[in-house]
Amino acid sequence: MRYARRESRVPARHLGLPPMHAYLTLVRSILESGTWQDNRTGIRSISIPGAAMRFDLARGFPAITTRRLPFKSAVGELIGFLRAARSAADFRALGCKVWDQNANENAAWLANPYRLGPDWLGEIYGYQWRHWPAYKLLDPARSEQVDDARARGYEVLGEVDVDGEPQVLLYKAIDQLRQCLDTIVARPTDRRILFHAWNCAELDQMALPPCHLLYQFLPNATSRELSLCLYVRSNDVGLGAPFNLCEAAALLSLVARLTGYAPRWLSYFIGDAHIYENQLEMLHEQLSREPYEAPALVISDRVPAMAETGRYEPEWLDRVEPDDFRLDNYRFHPPLTAPMAV
C-alpha cells in the first residue's frame, strides 16, 4: 500500500521552549545524576557519560541568556581557529583571552619541549582544521600511485626504508574546512563532509588536546538548509559549553552563508559532560533564572551570501573579522562568573 506524503511546516513561534532550556536541562541532569570524580585539574567535577543537546537555528541563535555570553571573545576564538592561530597573542588581538592560562600557566605545558616560548600553544584546533599534515608512503615501483598523489598536491620528500623495503615519502597540508565547503557546493548529498582535530601524532605538541574535535556538515539540497553535528570528547558544561555552542552556531551560519544555504540544526554531543565544583554557585543561580528568547545572529553584508550573489567565495573563511558578527535582540540576566579549571 502506498501512503501519500504530507509535508508540514510548524511556525517558529509554536516550536516550544527557548533554545537555552536544552542547556539548563543538561546542567540539571548532571547535578541530579552525575558522579563526583577527581581529574587532572585538581578541582573535583561531577559528570555524566554521554550527553546531547539539539538547537534549531531557525528559532534563533543559541546564546545563553541566564547570564551574559562573552560573544565577542567566542567569535574572536573562532576567527583565530579559521586563521590557524598558534599563539595566545594572536587570539588576544582578536579579542579573546581564554588561551592565556593554557599557554602561560599550565605547568605541564611550560615544561614541554615543544613549547617555543611565551604565548605559544602548538598545533591546536585551527592548525589541524586548515593545515592537517597528511603523509603517504608509496611503493616507488608503483609510479602511477606516486604520479596521482603528486597531481593532487603531494610533495615528494624523499625515499625512506620501512621494514627493509624502500618507500617514497610524500607530504601535503590539507585544508579540511575548505574541503568541506567545496563538497557542500559540489556534492551536497555526500555523507562524508567532516573535519576533525584529533591528530594522535601531535597531541604532545599542543598546550591542550582538542575537546571539540569532530564536526560534520549535513546539507539538505531540497530545503536548502545546512545542519551541523559536533562531537565534544570532554566538556566543561559551566563555562566551556556555552562558548563552544556559540562558536559552532557561528561557524555553521558562516559556512551556510558562503555555500548558499540557511543554517538549521545544530546537534551537540558530549562524551564526558562535567561541572567543576567551583562553578556550582554560578550554575545554581542560573537554574533559578527564567531564560529569555534567543537572539538573532547577524553577519555583516560585506560577507557575501552565495544564495544572493550566485558566486561561491570560500576565501572569506580567511577574511572575516570579529566585527562581522553581532547579536540582535540579545537579552540576558546579570553577569555571573566562575574560575576556569586549567
C-alpha atoms as a PDB file:
ATOM      1  CA  MET A   1       0.000   0.000   0.000  1.00  0.00           C
ATOM      2  CA  ARG A   2       1.289   3.473  -0.842  1.00  0.00           C
ATOM      3  CA  TYR A   3       0.798   6.301   1.567  1.00  0.00           C
ATOM      4  CA  ALA A   4       0.582   9.880   0.377  1.00  0.00           C
ATOM      5  CA  ARG A   5       3.336  12.001   1.805  1.00  0.00           C
ATOM      6  CA  ARG A   6       2.128  15.101   3.577  1.00  0.00           C
ATOM      7  CA  GLU A   7       4.550  17.894   4.351  1.00  0.00           C
ATOM      8  CA  SER A   8       4.010  20.403   7.132  1.00  0.00           C
ATOM      9  CA  ARG A   9       5.994  23.274   8.477  1.00  0.00           C
ATOM     10  CA  VAL A  10       5.409  24.354  12.069  1.00  0.00           C
ATOM     11  CA  PRO A  11       5.687  28.109  12.620  1.00  0.00           C
ATOM     12  CA  ALA A  12       8.694  29.025  14.746  1.00  0.00           C
ATOM     13  CA  ARG A  13       6.515  30.535  17.461  1.00  0.00           C
ATOM     14  CA  HIS A  14       4.959  27.097  18.102  1.00  0.00           C
ATOM     15  CA  LEU A  15       8.165  25.110  18.370  1.00  0.00           C
ATOM     16  CA  GLY A  16       8.219  25.027  22.159  1.00  0.00           C
ATOM     17  CA  LEU A  17      10.684  26.263  24.759  1.00  0.00           C
ATOM     18  CA  PRO A  18      13.529  28.726  24.140  1.00  0.00           C
ATOM     19  CA  PRO A  19      16.753  27.029  22.964  1.00  0.00           C
ATOM     20  CA  MET A  20      18.588  27.577  26.247  1.00  0.00           C
ATOM     21  CA  HIS A  21      16.199  25.237  28.048  1.00  0.00           C
ATOM     22  CA  ALA A  22      18.191  22.386  26.470  1.00  0.00           C
ATOM     23  CA  TYR A  23      21.342  23.688  28.133  1.00  0.00           C
ATOM     24  CA  LEU A  24      19.706  24.173  31.525  1.00  0.00           C
ATOM     25  CA  THR A  25      18.163  20.703  31.308  1.00  0.00           C
ATOM     26  CA  LEU A  26      21.638  19.251  30.793  1.00  0.00           C
ATOM     27  CA  VAL A  27      23.012  21.202  33.762  1.00  0.00           C
ATOM     28  CA  ARG A  28      20.188  19.948  35.971  1.00  0.00           C
ATOM     29  CA  SER A  29      20.707  16.359  34.770  1.00  0.00           C
ATOM     30  CA  ILE A  30      24.411  16.438  35.651  1.00  0.00           C
ATOM     31  CA  LEU A  31      23.744  17.875  39.100  1.00  0.00           C
ATOM     32  CA  GLU A  32      20.997  15.348  39.839  1.00  0.00           C
ATOM     33  CA  SER A  33      22.508  12.149  38.422  1.00  0.00           C
ATOM     34  CA  GLY A  34      26.233  12.785  37.991  1.00  0.00           C
ATOM     35  CA  THR A  35      29.137  11.248  39.888  1.00  0.00           C
ATOM     36  CA  TRP A  36      31.874  13.183  41.643  1.00  0.00           C
ATOM     37  CA  GLN A  37      35.338  12.381  40.305  1.00  0.00           C
ATOM     38  CA  ASP A  38      38.894  13.660  40.505  1.00  0.00           C
ATOM     39  CA  ASN A  39      40.629  14.891  37.342  1.00  0.00           C
ATOM     40  CA  ARG A  40      43.873  16.393  36.035  1.00  0.00           C
ATOM     41  CA  THR A  41      42.992  19.967  37.138  1.00  0.00           C
ATOM     42  CA  GLY A  42      42.882  19.146  40.862  1.00  0.00           C
ATOM     43  CA  ILE A  43      39.351  20.579  41.105  1.00  0.00           C
ATOM     44  CA  ARG A  44      36.652  17.937  41.593  1.00  0.00           C
ATOM     45  CA  SER A  45      33.957  17.656  38.952  1.00  0.00           C
ATOM     46  CA  ILE A  46      30.561  15.992  38.781  1.00  0.00           C
ATOM     47  CA  SER A  47      29.980  14.291  35.448  1.00  0.00           C
ATOM     48  CA  ILE A  48      27.816  12.024  33.336  1.00  0.00           C
ATOM     49  CA  PRO A  49      28.965   9.935  30.351  1.00  0.00           C
ATOM     50  CA  GLY A  50      27.209  10.718  27.092  1.00  0.00           C
ATOM     51  CA  ALA A  51      25.003  13.782  26.689  1.00  0.00           C
ATOM     52  CA  ALA A  52      23.376  15.649  23.828  1.00  0.00           C
ATOM     53  CA  MET A  53      21.680  18.936  23.009  1.00  0.00           C
ATOM     54  CA  ARG A  54      19.929  19.999  19.805  1.00  0.00           C
ATOM     55  CA  PHE A  55      19.175  23.524  18.639  1.00  0.00           C
ATOM     56  CA  ASP A  56      17.073  24.807  15.758  1.00  0.00           C
ATOM     57  CA  LEU A  57      18.819  27.890  14.399  1.00  0.00           C
ATOM     58  CA  ALA A  58      15.610  28.820  12.584  1.00  0.00           C
ATOM     59  CA  ARG A  59      14.364  29.731  16.073  1.00  0.00           C
ATOM     60  CA  GLY A  60      17.339  31.903  16.897  1.00  0.00           C
ATOM     61  CA  PHE A  61      20.960  31.796  17.959  1.00  0.00           C
ATOM     62  CA  PRO A  62      21.765  29.505  20.946  1.00  0.00           C
ATOM     63  CA  ALA A  63      23.321  32.188  23.140  1.00  0.00           C
ATOM     64  CA  ILE A  64      22.993  31.612  26.863  1.00  0.00           C
ATOM     65  CA  THR A  65      20.579  34.125  28.417  1.00  0.00           C
ATOM     66  CA  THR A  66      20.672  33.197  32.139  1.00  0.00           C
ATOM     67  CA  ARG A  67      23.953  35.121  32.242  1.00  0.00           C
ATOM     68  CA  ARG A  68      25.859  37.159  29.706  1.00  0.00           C
ATOM     69  CA  LEU A  69      27.648  35.278  26.936  1.00  0.00           C
ATOM     70  CA  PRO A  70      31.137  36.653  26.107  1.00  0.00           C
ATOM     71  CA  PHE A  71      30.088  36.755  22.461  1.00  0.00           C
ATOM     72  CA  LYS A  72      32.973  38.804  21.080  1.00  0.00           C
ATOM     73  CA  SER A  73      35.507  36.591  22.823  1.00  0.00           C
ATOM     74  CA  ALA A  74      33.879  33.438  21.415  1.00  0.00           C
ATOM     75  CA  VAL A  75      33.783  34.890  17.903  1.00  0.00           C
ATOM     76  CA  GLY A  76      37.385  36.031  18.274  1.00  0.00           C
ATOM     77  CA  GLU A  77      38.428  32.487  19.167  1.00  0.00           C
ATOM     78  CA  LEU A  78      36.533  31.079  16.178  1.00  0.00           C
ATOM     79  CA  ILE A  79      38.279  33.502  13.822  1.00  0.00           C
ATOM     80  CA  GLY A  80      41.602  32.580  15.402  1.00  0.00           C
ATOM     81  CA  PHE A  81      40.828  28.964  14.559  1.00  0.00           C
ATOM     82  CA  LEU A  82      39.891  29.926  10.988  1.00  0.00           C
ATOM     83  CA  ARG A  83      43.309  31.600  10.724  1.00  0.00           C
ATOM     84  CA  ALA A  84      45.093  28.569  12.213  1.00  0.00           C
ATOM     85  CA  ALA A  85      46.424  30.661  15.112  1.00  0.00           C
ATOM     86  CA  ARG A  86      49.015  29.004  17.340  1.00  0.00           C
ATOM     87  CA  SER A  87      49.773  31.842  19.758  1.00  0.00           C
ATOM     88  CA  ALA A  88      47.696  33.258  22.599  1.00  0.00           C
ATOM     89  CA  ALA A  89      48.832  36.686  21.387  1.00  0.00           C
ATOM     90  CA  ASP A  90      47.001  36.100  18.100  1.00  0.00           C
ATOM     91  CA  PHE A  91      43.809  35.268  19.985  1.00  0.00           C
ATOM     92  CA  ARG A  92      44.191  38.330  22.214  1.00  0.00           C
ATOM     93  CA  ALA A  93      44.474  40.506  19.119  1.00  0.00           C
ATOM     94  CA  LEU A  94      41.062  39.149  18.118  1.00  0.00           C
ATOM     95  CA  GLY A  95      39.517  39.986  21.497  1.00  0.00           C
ATOM     96  CA  CYS A  96      39.857  36.531  23.066  1.00  0.00           C
ATOM     97  CA  LYS A  97      41.929  35.897  26.211  1.00  0.00           C
ATOM     98  CA  VAL A  98      40.780  32.350  27.020  1.00  0.00           C
ATOM     99  CA  TRP A  99      44.070  30.821  25.830  1.00  0.00           C
ATOM    100  CA  ASP A 100      46.328  32.912  28.078  1.00  0.00           C
ATOM    101  CA  GLN A 101      46.287  30.483  31.008  1.00  0.00           C
ATOM    102  CA  ASN A 102      46.752  27.365  28.905  1.00  0.00           C
ATOM    103  CA  ALA A 103      49.684  28.990  27.116  1.00  0.00           C
ATOM    104  CA  ASN A 104      51.464  30.512  30.095  1.00  0.00           C
ATOM    105  CA  GLU A 105      50.227  28.988  33.379  1.00  0.00           C
ATOM    106  CA  ASN A 106      49.859  25.249  32.667  1.00  0.00           C
ATOM    107  CA  ALA A 107      52.832  23.599  34.419  1.00  0.00           C
ATOM    108  CA  ALA A 108      52.881  20.561  32.139  1.00  0.00           C
ATOM    109  CA  TRP A 109      52.921  22.730  29.017  1.00  0.00           C
ATOM    110  CA  LEU A 110      55.561  25.084  30.443  1.00  0.00           C
ATOM    111  CA  ALA A 111      57.865  22.063  30.784  1.00  0.00           C
ATOM    112  CA  ASN A 112      57.021  20.673  27.346  1.00  0.00           C
ATOM    113  CA  PRO A 113      59.991  20.716  24.920  1.00  0.00           C
ATOM    114  CA  TYR A 114      57.636  21.633  22.055  1.00  0.00           C
ATOM    115  CA  ARG A 115      56.635  24.931  23.678  1.00  0.00           C
ATOM    116  CA  LEU A 116      58.538  27.646  21.807  1.00  0.00           C
ATOM    117  CA  GLY A 117      58.148  30.437  24.333  1.00  0.00           C
ATOM    118  CA  PRO A 118      55.571  32.785  25.885  1.00  0.00           C
ATOM    119  CA  ASP A 119      52.056  32.524  24.420  1.00  0.00           C
ATOM    120  CA  TRP A 120      52.959  29.535  22.240  1.00  0.00           C
ATOM    121  CA  LEU A 121      50.136  26.969  22.019  1.00  0.00           C
ATOM    122  CA  GLY A 122      51.399  24.477  19.469  1.00  0.00           C
ATOM    123  CA  GLU A 123      49.420  22.753  16.728  1.00  0.00           C
ATOM    124  CA  ILE A 124      45.974  23.361  18.269  1.00  0.00           C
ATOM    125  CA  TYR A 125      42.492  23.283  16.722  1.00  0.00           C
ATOM    126  CA  GLY A 126      42.676  25.670  13.797  1.00  0.00           C
ATOM    127  CA  TYR A 127      46.049  24.465  12.608  1.00  0.00           C
ATOM    128  CA  GLN A 128      44.608  20.971  12.295  1.00  0.00           C
ATOM    129  CA  TRP A 129      41.468  22.367  10.611  1.00  0.00           C
ATOM    130  CA  ARG A 130      43.360  24.306   7.959  1.00  0.00           C
ATOM    131  CA  HIS A 131      46.801  22.605   7.701  1.00  0.00           C
ATOM    132  CA  TRP A 132      46.241  18.941   8.530  1.00  0.00           C
ATOM    133  CA  PRO A 133      49.624  17.202   7.999  1.00  0.00           C
ATOM    134  CA  ALA A 134      48.991  14.349   5.584  1.00  0.00           C
ATOM    135  CA  TYR A 135      51.710  11.840   4.739  1.00  0.00           C
ATOM    136  CA  LYS A 136      51.796   8.946   2.292  1.00  0.00           C
ATOM    137  CA  LEU A 137      54.220   6.041   1.984  1.00  0.00           C
ATOM    138  CA  LEU A 138      54.123   4.554  -1.509  1.00  0.00           C
ATOM    139  CA  ASP A 139      55.983   1.816  -3.302  1.00  0.00           C
ATOM    140  CA  PRO A 140      58.390   3.540  -5.727  1.00  0.00           C
ATOM    141  CA  ALA A 141      57.661   0.754  -8.215  1.00  0.00           C
ATOM    142  CA  ARG A 142      54.040   1.942  -8.386  1.00  0.00           C
ATOM    143  CA  SER A 143      54.807   5.093 -10.321  1.00  0.00           C
ATOM    144  CA  GLU A 144      51.129   5.587 -11.193  1.00  0.00           C
ATOM    145  CA  GLN A 145      50.337   5.997  -7.487  1.00  0.00           C
ATOM    146  CA  VAL A 146      53.170   8.451  -6.945  1.00  0.00           C
ATOM    147  CA  ASP A 147      52.099  10.437 -10.023  1.00  0.00           C
ATOM    148  CA  ASP A 148      48.489  10.519  -8.840  1.00  0.00           C
ATOM    149  CA  ALA A 149      49.497  11.782  -5.385  1.00  0.00           C
ATOM    150  CA  ARG A 150      51.686  14.493  -6.873  1.00  0.00           C
ATOM    151  CA  ALA A 151      48.845  15.559  -9.161  1.00  0.00           C
ATOM    152  CA  ARG A 152      46.699  16.020  -6.029  1.00  0.00           C
ATOM    153  CA  GLY A 153      49.220  18.323  -4.397  1.00  0.00           C
ATOM    154  CA  TYR A 154      51.512  15.944  -2.505  1.00  0.00           C
ATOM    155  CA  GLU A 155      55.197  16.780  -2.429  1.00  0.00           C
ATOM    156  CA  VAL A 156      57.834  14.042  -2.576  1.00  0.00           C
ATOM    157  CA  LEU A 157      60.074  14.398   0.480  1.00  0.00           C
ATOM    158  CA  GLY A 158      62.382  11.539  -0.362  1.00  0.00           C
ATOM    159  CA  GLU A 159      62.826   7.814  -0.027  1.00  0.00           C
ATOM    160  CA  VAL A 160      62.816   6.012   3.340  1.00  0.00           C
ATOM    161  CA  ASP A 161      63.353   2.460   4.494  1.00  0.00           C
ATOM    162  CA  VAL A 162      60.317   0.725   6.042  1.00  0.00           C
ATOM    163  CA  ASP A 163      60.965  -2.801   7.338  1.00  0.00           C
ATOM    164  CA  GLY A 164      63.736  -3.224   4.829  1.00  0.00           C
ATOM    165  CA  GLU A 165      61.660  -2.037   1.870  1.00  0.00           C
ATOM    166  CA  PRO A 166      62.175   1.312   0.095  1.00  0.00           C
ATOM    167  CA  GLN A 167      59.177   3.667   0.235  1.00  0.00           C
ATOM    168  CA  VAL A 168      58.536   7.106  -1.213  1.00  0.00           C
ATOM    169  CA  LEU A 169      57.505   9.609   1.481  1.00  0.00           C
ATOM    170  CA  LEU A 170      55.072  12.317   0.374  1.00  0.00           C
ATOM    171  CA  TYR A 171      53.523  15.236   2.291  1.00  0.00           C
ATOM    172  CA  LYS A 172      50.616  17.638   1.870  1.00  0.00           C
ATOM    173  CA  ALA A 173      48.951  20.174   4.200  1.00  0.00           C
ATOM    174  CA  ILE A 174      45.198  19.653   3.852  1.00  0.00           C
ATOM    175  CA  ASP A 175      42.699  22.440   4.422  1.00  0.00           C
ATOM    176  CA  GLN A 176      39.957  20.233   5.870  1.00  0.00           C
ATOM    177  CA  LEU A 177      37.472  23.062   6.356  1.00  0.00           C
ATOM    178  CA  ARG A 178      37.848  24.361   2.807  1.00  0.00           C
ATOM    179  CA  GLN A 179      37.331  20.823   1.521  1.00  0.00           C
ATOM    180  CA  CYS A 180      34.042  20.711   3.440  1.00  0.00           C
ATOM    181  CA  LEU A 181      32.804  23.899   1.767  1.00  0.00           C
ATOM    182  CA  ASP A 182      33.870  22.651  -1.664  1.00  0.00           C
ATOM    183  CA  THR A 183      31.971  19.404  -1.125  1.00  0.00           C
ATOM    184  CA  ILE A 184      28.824  21.137   0.150  1.00  0.00           C
ATOM    185  CA  VAL A 185      28.706  23.123  -3.096  1.00  0.00           C
ATOM    186  CA  ALA A 186      29.758  20.342  -5.479  1.00  0.00           C
ATOM    187  CA  ARG A 187      28.249  17.208  -3.888  1.00  0.00           C
ATOM    188  CA  PRO A 188      25.618  18.154  -1.297  1.00  0.00           C
ATOM    189  CA  THR A 189      24.355  14.559  -0.967  1.00  0.00           C
ATOM    190  CA  ASP A 190      27.779  13.403   0.263  1.00  0.00           C
ATOM    191  CA  ARG A 191      27.632  11.986   3.804  1.00  0.00           C
ATOM    192  CA  ARG A 192      31.342  12.425   4.452  1.00  0.00           C
ATOM    193  CA  ILE A 193      31.531  16.196   4.841  1.00  0.00           C
ATOM    194  CA  LEU A 194      33.506  16.450   8.048  1.00  0.00           C
ATOM    195  CA  PHE A 195      36.705  17.699   9.622  1.00  0.00           C
ATOM    196  CA  HIS A 196      38.427  16.963  12.915  1.00  0.00           C
ATOM    197  CA  ALA A 197      41.354  17.987  15.072  1.00  0.00           C
ATOM    198  CA  TRP A 198      42.379  14.753  16.803  1.00  0.00           C
ATOM    199  CA  ASN A 199      45.897  14.209  15.478  1.00  0.00           C
ATOM    200  CA  CYS A 200      47.443  11.468  17.606  1.00  0.00           C
ATOM    201  CA  ALA A 201      50.935  12.242  16.322  1.00  0.00           C
ATOM    202  CA  GLU A 202      50.783  15.856  17.500  1.00  0.00           C
ATOM    203  CA  LEU A 203      48.834  15.678  20.773  1.00  0.00           C
ATOM    204  CA  ASP A 204      52.084  16.133  22.712  1.00  0.00           C
ATOM    205  CA  GLN A 205      52.762  19.317  20.730  1.00  0.00           C
ATOM    206  CA  MET A 206      49.610  21.110  21.944  1.00  0.00           C
ATOM    207  CA  ALA A 207      49.004  23.173  25.068  1.00  0.00           C
ATOM    208  CA  LEU A 208      45.616  21.467  25.274  1.00  0.00           C
ATOM    209  CA  PRO A 209      44.430  18.445  23.268  1.00  0.00           C
ATOM    210  CA  PRO A 210      41.217  19.261  21.349  1.00  0.00           C
ATOM    211  CA  CYS A 211      37.933  18.933  23.214  1.00  0.00           C
ATOM    212  CA  HIS A 212      35.537  19.810  20.385  1.00  0.00           C
ATOM    213  CA  LEU A 213      37.126  17.504  17.899  1.00  0.00           C
ATOM    214  CA  LEU A 214      34.733  16.314  15.172  1.00  0.00           C
ATOM    215  CA  TYR A 215      32.417  18.432  13.006  1.00  0.00           C
ATOM    216  CA  GLN A 216      30.084  17.007  10.353  1.00  0.00           C
ATOM    217  CA  PHE A 217      28.104  19.197   7.949  1.00  0.00           C
ATOM    218  CA  LEU A 218      24.809  17.865   6.613  1.00  0.00           C
ATOM    219  CA  PRO A 219      23.377  19.793   3.658  1.00  0.00           C
ATOM    220  CA  ASN A 220      19.763  19.347   2.579  1.00  0.00           C
ATOM    221  CA  ALA A 221      19.772  20.292  -1.088  1.00  0.00           C
ATOM    222  CA  THR A 222      15.954  20.085  -1.235  1.00  0.00           C
ATOM    223  CA  SER A 223      15.198  22.503   1.593  1.00  0.00           C
ATOM    224  CA  ARG A 224      18.482  24.432   1.097  1.00  0.00           C
ATOM    225  CA  GLU A 225      19.255  24.049   4.791  1.00  0.00           C
ATOM    226  CA  LEU A 226      22.620  23.192   6.315  1.00  0.00           C
ATOM    227  CA  SER A 227      22.984  21.402   9.661  1.00  0.00           C
ATOM    228  CA  LEU A 228      25.981  20.547  11.804  1.00  0.00           C
ATOM    229  CA  CYS A 229      26.779  17.724  14.221  1.00  0.00           C
ATOM    230  CA  LEU A 230      29.559  18.403  16.714  1.00  0.00           C
ATOM    231  CA  TYR A 231      31.204  15.816  18.968  1.00  0.00           C
ATOM    232  CA  VAL A 232      32.992  17.082  22.097  1.00  0.00           C
ATOM    233  CA  ARG A 233      35.082  14.457  23.903  1.00  0.00           C
ATOM    234  CA  SER A 234      35.169  16.344  27.228  1.00  0.00           C
ATOM    235  CA  ASN A 235      33.160  19.449  28.062  1.00  0.00           C
ATOM    236  CA  ASP A 236      33.241  21.914  30.940  1.00  0.00           C
ATOM    237  CA  VAL A 237      29.479  22.482  30.881  1.00  0.00           C
ATOM    238  CA  GLY A 238      29.588  25.520  33.152  1.00  0.00           C
ATOM    239  CA  LEU A 239      31.959  27.674  31.116  1.00  0.00           C
ATOM    240  CA  GLY A 240      33.008  25.750  28.016  1.00  0.00           C
ATOM    241  CA  ALA A 241      29.691  24.530  26.612  1.00  0.00           C
ATOM    242  CA  PRO A 242      28.062  27.979  26.131  1.00  0.00           C
ATOM    243  CA  PHE A 243      31.287  29.205  24.493  1.00  0.00           C
ATOM    244  CA  ASN A 244      31.549  26.163  22.214  1.00  0.00           C
ATOM    245  CA  LEU A 245      27.854  26.325  21.287  1.00  0.00           C
ATOM    246  CA  CYS A 246      28.269  29.931  20.241  1.00  0.00           C
ATOM    247  CA  GLU A 247      31.295  29.138  18.094  1.00  0.00           C
ATOM    248  CA  ALA A 248      29.667  26.124  16.459  1.00  0.00           C
ATOM    249  CA  ALA A 249      26.488  28.056  15.634  1.00  0.00           C
ATOM    250  CA  ALA A 250      28.519  30.975  14.253  1.00  0.00           C
ATOM    251  CA  LEU A 251      30.628  28.585  12.150  1.00  0.00           C
ATOM    252  CA  LEU A 252      27.520  26.834  10.826  1.00  0.00           C
ATOM    253  CA  SER A 253      25.962  30.197   9.961  1.00  0.00           C
ATOM    254  CA  LEU A 254      29.107  31.395   8.181  1.00  0.00           C
ATOM    255  CA  VAL A 255      29.553  28.187   6.177  1.00  0.00           C
ATOM    256  CA  ALA A 256      25.864  28.209   5.234  1.00  0.00           C
ATOM    257  CA  ARG A 257      26.159  31.807   4.029  1.00  0.00           C
ATOM    258  CA  LEU A 258      29.235  31.059   1.912  1.00  0.00           C
ATOM    259  CA  THR A 259      27.697  27.933   0.329  1.00  0.00           C
ATOM    260  CA  GLY A 260      24.157  29.137  -0.385  1.00  0.00           C
ATOM    261  CA  TYR A 261      22.226  27.510   2.464  1.00  0.00           C
ATOM    262  CA  ALA A 262      20.241  28.561   5.525  1.00  0.00           C
ATOM    263  CA  PRO A 263      21.637  27.325   8.871  1.00  0.00           C
ATOM    264  CA  ARG A 264      19.261  24.904  10.577  1.00  0.00           C
ATOM    265  CA  TRP A 265      20.027  22.170  13.125  1.00  0.00           C
ATOM    266  CA  LEU A 266      22.997  22.192  15.482  1.00  0.00           C
ATOM    267  CA  SER A 267      23.374  18.838  17.260  1.00  0.00           C
ATOM    268  CA  TYR A 268      25.882  18.854  20.109  1.00  0.00           C
ATOM    269  CA  PHE A 269      27.184  15.560  21.517  1.00  0.00           C
ATOM    270  CA  ILE A 270      29.397  15.277  24.609  1.00  0.00           C
ATOM    271  CA  GLY A 271      31.466  12.294  25.764  1.00  0.00           C
ATOM    272  CA  ASP A 272      32.290  13.402  29.325  1.00  0.00           C
ATOM    273  CA  ALA A 273      29.884  16.165  30.389  1.00  0.00           C
ATOM    274  CA  HIS A 274      31.092  17.677  33.655  1.00  0.00           C
ATOM    275  CA  ILE A 275      30.678  20.604  36.028  1.00  0.00           C
ATOM    276  CA  TYR A 276      33.532  21.759  38.253  1.00  0.00           C
ATOM    277  CA  GLU A 277      32.939  22.140  41.971  1.00  0.00           C
ATOM    278  CA  ASN A 278      33.914  25.822  41.946  1.00  0.00           C
ATOM    279  CA  GLN A 279      31.148  26.571  39.388  1.00  0.00           C
ATOM    280  CA  LEU A 280      28.229  25.245  41.429  1.00  0.00           C
ATOM    281  CA  GLU A 281      27.127  28.600  42.837  1.00  0.00           C
ATOM    282  CA  MET A 282      27.049  30.147  39.356  1.00  0.00           C
ATOM    283  CA  LEU A 283      25.025  27.299  37.873  1.00  0.00           C
ATOM    284  CA  HIS A 284      22.524  27.061  40.726  1.00  0.00           C
ATOM    285  CA  GLU A 285      21.856  30.768  40.266  1.00  0.00           C
ATOM    286  CA  GLN A 286      21.333  30.243  36.530  1.00  0.00           C
ATOM    287  CA  LEU A 287      18.864  27.451  37.188  1.00  0.00           C
ATOM    288  CA  SER A 288      16.798  29.873  39.278  1.00  0.00           C
ATOM    289  CA  ARG A 289      16.514  32.286  36.352  1.00  0.00           C
ATOM    290  CA  GLU A 290      13.981  32.107  33.539  1.00  0.00           C
ATOM    291  CA  PRO A 291      15.721  32.142  30.149  1.00  0.00           C
ATOM    292  CA  TYR A 292      14.844  34.796  27.597  1.00  0.00           C
ATOM    293  CA  GLU A 293      14.064  34.175  23.943  1.00  0.00           C
ATOM    294  CA  ALA A 294      17.046  33.521  21.711  1.00  0.00           C
ATOM    295  CA  PRO A 295      18.693  36.455  19.919  1.00  0.00           C
ATOM    296  CA  ALA A 296      19.406  36.584  16.191  1.00  0.00           C
ATOM    297  CA  LEU A 297      22.880  36.311  14.684  1.00  0.00           C
ATOM    298  CA  VAL A 298      23.633  38.938  12.054  1.00  0.00           C
ATOM    299  CA  ILE A 299      26.599  38.558   9.703  1.00  0.00           C
ATOM    300  CA  SER A 300      27.831  41.724   8.004  1.00  0.00           C
ATOM    301  CA  ASP A 301      26.615  42.441   4.475  1.00  0.00           C
ATOM    302  CA  ARG A 302      30.230  42.641   3.364  1.00  0.00           C
ATOM    303  CA  VAL A 303      30.483  38.851   3.762  1.00  0.00           C
ATOM    304  CA  PRO A 304      28.969  37.532   0.511  1.00  0.00           C
ATOM    305  CA  ALA A 305      25.896  35.296   0.642  1.00  0.00           C
ATOM    306  CA  MET A 306      26.063  32.774  -2.196  1.00  0.00           C
ATOM    307  CA  ALA A 307      22.265  32.382  -2.174  1.00  0.00           C
ATOM    308  CA  GLU A 308      22.022  36.052  -3.185  1.00  0.00           C
ATOM    309  CA  THR A 309      25.108  36.582  -5.327  1.00  0.00           C
ATOM    310  CA  GLY A 310      25.256  33.183  -7.043  1.00  0.00           C
ATOM    311  CA  ARG A 311      29.025  33.243  -6.514  1.00  0.00           C
ATOM    312  CA  TYR A 312      30.997  30.791  -4.415  1.00  0.00           C
ATOM    313  CA  GLU A 313      33.672  32.732  -2.497  1.00  0.00           C
ATOM    314  CA  PRO A 314      35.210  30.421   0.128  1.00  0.00           C
ATOM    315  CA  GLU A 315      38.224  32.713   0.544  1.00  0.00           C
ATOM    316  CA  TRP A 316      36.066  34.649   3.012  1.00  0.00           C
ATOM    317  CA  LEU A 317      36.936  31.988   5.581  1.00  0.00           C
ATOM    318  CA  ASP A 318      40.210  33.911   5.856  1.00  0.00           C
ATOM    319  CA  ARG A 319      38.758  37.425   5.562  1.00  0.00           C
ATOM    320  CA  VAL A 320      36.080  37.585   8.239  1.00  0.00           C
ATOM    321  CA  GLU A 321      36.702  39.805  11.265  1.00  0.00           C
ATOM    322  CA  PRO A 322      35.106  39.775  14.731  1.00  0.00           C
ATOM    323  CA  ASP A 323      33.071  42.872  13.857  1.00  0.00           C
ATOM    324  CA  ASP A 324      31.393  40.930  11.023  1.00  0.00           C
ATOM    325  CA  PHE A 325      29.271  39.136  13.663  1.00  0.00           C
ATOM    326  CA  ARG A 326      26.739  40.589  16.068  1.00  0.00           C
ATOM    327  CA  LEU A 327      23.720  39.518  18.092  1.00  0.00           C
ATOM    328  CA  ASP A 328      20.425  41.371  17.704  1.00  0.00           C
ATOM    329  CA  ASN A 329      17.779  41.417  20.459  1.00  0.00           C
ATOM    330  CA  TYR A 330      20.094  39.751  22.953  1.00  0.00           C
ATOM    331  CA  ARG A 331      18.532  39.925  26.433  1.00  0.00           C
ATOM    332  CA  PHE A 332      20.366  38.354  29.344  1.00  0.00           C
ATOM    333  CA  HIS A 333      20.315  38.225  33.124  1.00  0.00           C
ATOM    334  CA  PRO A 334      23.018  39.942  35.237  1.00  0.00           C
ATOM    335  CA  PRO A 335      26.555  38.650  34.717  1.00  0.00           C
ATOM    336  CA  LEU A 336      27.912  35.690  36.668  1.00  0.00           C
ATOM    337  CA  THR A 337      31.481  34.477  36.836  1.00  0.00           C
ATOM    338  CA  ALA A 338      33.366  31.369  37.878  1.00  0.00           C
ATOM    339  CA  PRO A 339      37.051  30.413  37.566  1.00  0.00           C
ATOM    340  CA  MET A 340      38.247  28.234  34.717  1.00  0.00           C
ATOM    341  CA  ALA A 341      39.924  24.965  35.664  1.00  0.00           C
ATOM    342  CA  VAL A 342      43.246  24.587  33.829  1.00  0.00           C
END
